[in-house]
Protein backbone atom coordinates (compact mmCIF):
# COMPACT_ATOMS: atom_id res chain seq x y z
CA UNK A 1 90.06 95.19 104.00
CA UNK A 2 91.23 92.38 101.76
CA UNK A 3 93.29 93.24 98.70
CA UNK A 4 93.07 89.80 97.02
CA UNK A 5 91.60 90.11 93.53
CA UNK A 6 91.89 93.88 93.43
CA UNK A 7 93.81 95.77 90.80
CA UNK A 8 96.63 98.00 92.01
CA UNK A 9 99.09 100.40 90.40
CA UNK A 10 102.77 100.19 91.28
CA UNK A 11 104.18 103.52 92.51
CA UNK A 12 107.84 102.51 92.84
CA UNK A 13 110.42 100.31 91.16
CA UNK A 14 110.99 99.22 87.58
CA UNK A 15 107.28 98.41 87.24
CA UNK A 16 106.17 101.91 88.29
CA UNK A 17 102.81 102.74 86.72
CA UNK A 18 101.94 99.11 85.92
CA UNK A 19 98.55 97.67 86.75
CA UNK A 20 98.79 94.37 88.62
CA UNK A 21 96.36 91.97 90.27
CA UNK A 22 96.79 91.02 93.94
CA UNK A 23 97.15 87.24 94.33
CA UNK A 24 97.90 87.02 98.05
CA UNK A 25 98.59 89.09 101.14
CA UNK A 26 101.62 88.40 103.35
CA UNK A 27 101.57 90.89 106.22
CA UNK A 28 102.78 94.23 104.85
CA UNK A 29 103.58 92.63 101.47
CA UNK A 30 101.38 91.74 98.51
CA UNK A 31 102.05 89.13 95.83
CA UNK A 32 101.22 90.65 92.44
CA UNK A 33 100.93 89.39 88.87
CA UNK A 34 99.79 90.75 85.52
CA UNK A 35 99.70 87.47 83.62
CA UNK A 36 102.17 88.62 80.98
CA UNK A 37 105.41 90.16 82.26
CA UNK A 38 104.91 88.97 85.83
CA UNK A 39 103.45 85.46 85.87
CA UNK A 40 101.34 83.78 88.54
CA UNK A 41 104.09 81.18 89.01
CA UNK A 42 106.57 83.92 90.01
CA UNK A 43 104.61 86.84 91.43
CA UNK A 44 106.12 90.19 92.37
CA UNK A 45 106.42 90.76 96.13
CA UNK A 46 105.77 94.42 96.88
CA UNK A 47 105.23 96.45 100.05
CA UNK A 48 101.83 98.04 100.61
CA UNK A 49 103.37 101.52 100.65
CA UNK A 50 104.56 101.04 97.04
CA UNK A 51 101.11 100.49 95.54
CA UNK A 52 97.81 102.34 95.23
CA UNK A 53 94.41 100.88 94.42
CA UNK A 54 93.36 101.22 90.79
CA UNK A 55 90.56 103.79 90.50
CA UNK A 56 88.14 101.24 89.06
CA UNK A 57 86.42 99.29 91.85
CA UNK A 58 86.42 96.01 89.86
CA UNK A 59 87.51 92.94 91.81
CA UNK A 60 88.74 89.82 90.02
CA UNK A 61 87.09 86.64 91.30
CA UNK A 62 87.85 84.12 88.54
CA UNK A 63 90.59 81.51 88.25
CA UNK A 64 94.08 82.75 89.10
CA UNK A 65 95.67 81.88 85.76
CA UNK A 66 97.97 84.05 83.65
CA UNK A 67 95.56 84.15 80.74
CA UNK A 68 92.51 85.06 82.86
CA UNK A 69 94.31 87.74 84.88
CA UNK A 70 95.83 89.30 81.76
CA UNK A 71 92.41 89.38 80.04
CA UNK A 72 90.82 90.99 83.12
CA UNK A 73 93.50 93.69 83.28
CA UNK A 74 93.30 94.28 79.52
CA UNK A 75 89.50 94.64 79.63
CA UNK A 76 89.69 97.00 82.61
CA UNK A 77 92.43 99.09 80.97
CA UNK A 78 90.41 99.36 77.75
CA UNK A 79 87.66 100.88 79.90
CA UNK A 80 90.11 103.64 80.87
CA UNK A 81 93.53 102.98 82.33
CA UNK A 82 97.14 102.29 81.47
CA UNK A 83 98.86 98.93 81.04
CA UNK A 84 102.52 97.90 80.95
CA UNK A 85 102.24 95.82 77.76
């Protein structure tokens, strides 16, 4: 199962509870960004065991830009979720 484009929730660390978008998979690690606090240019590297999939099944398939990812997360959160803004 590919995680790229999926929204995940951080379960550990200073970003615990934050919704992030998966940019890339690197073995047991994922590169994550939210487009605001954690930018695409410097994604967060997090182990798989420290994230859970966001309950909404939406998958992001647009351009991997800060603005687009942030808008996608914001729109998804407005439909029922929690953001780190």
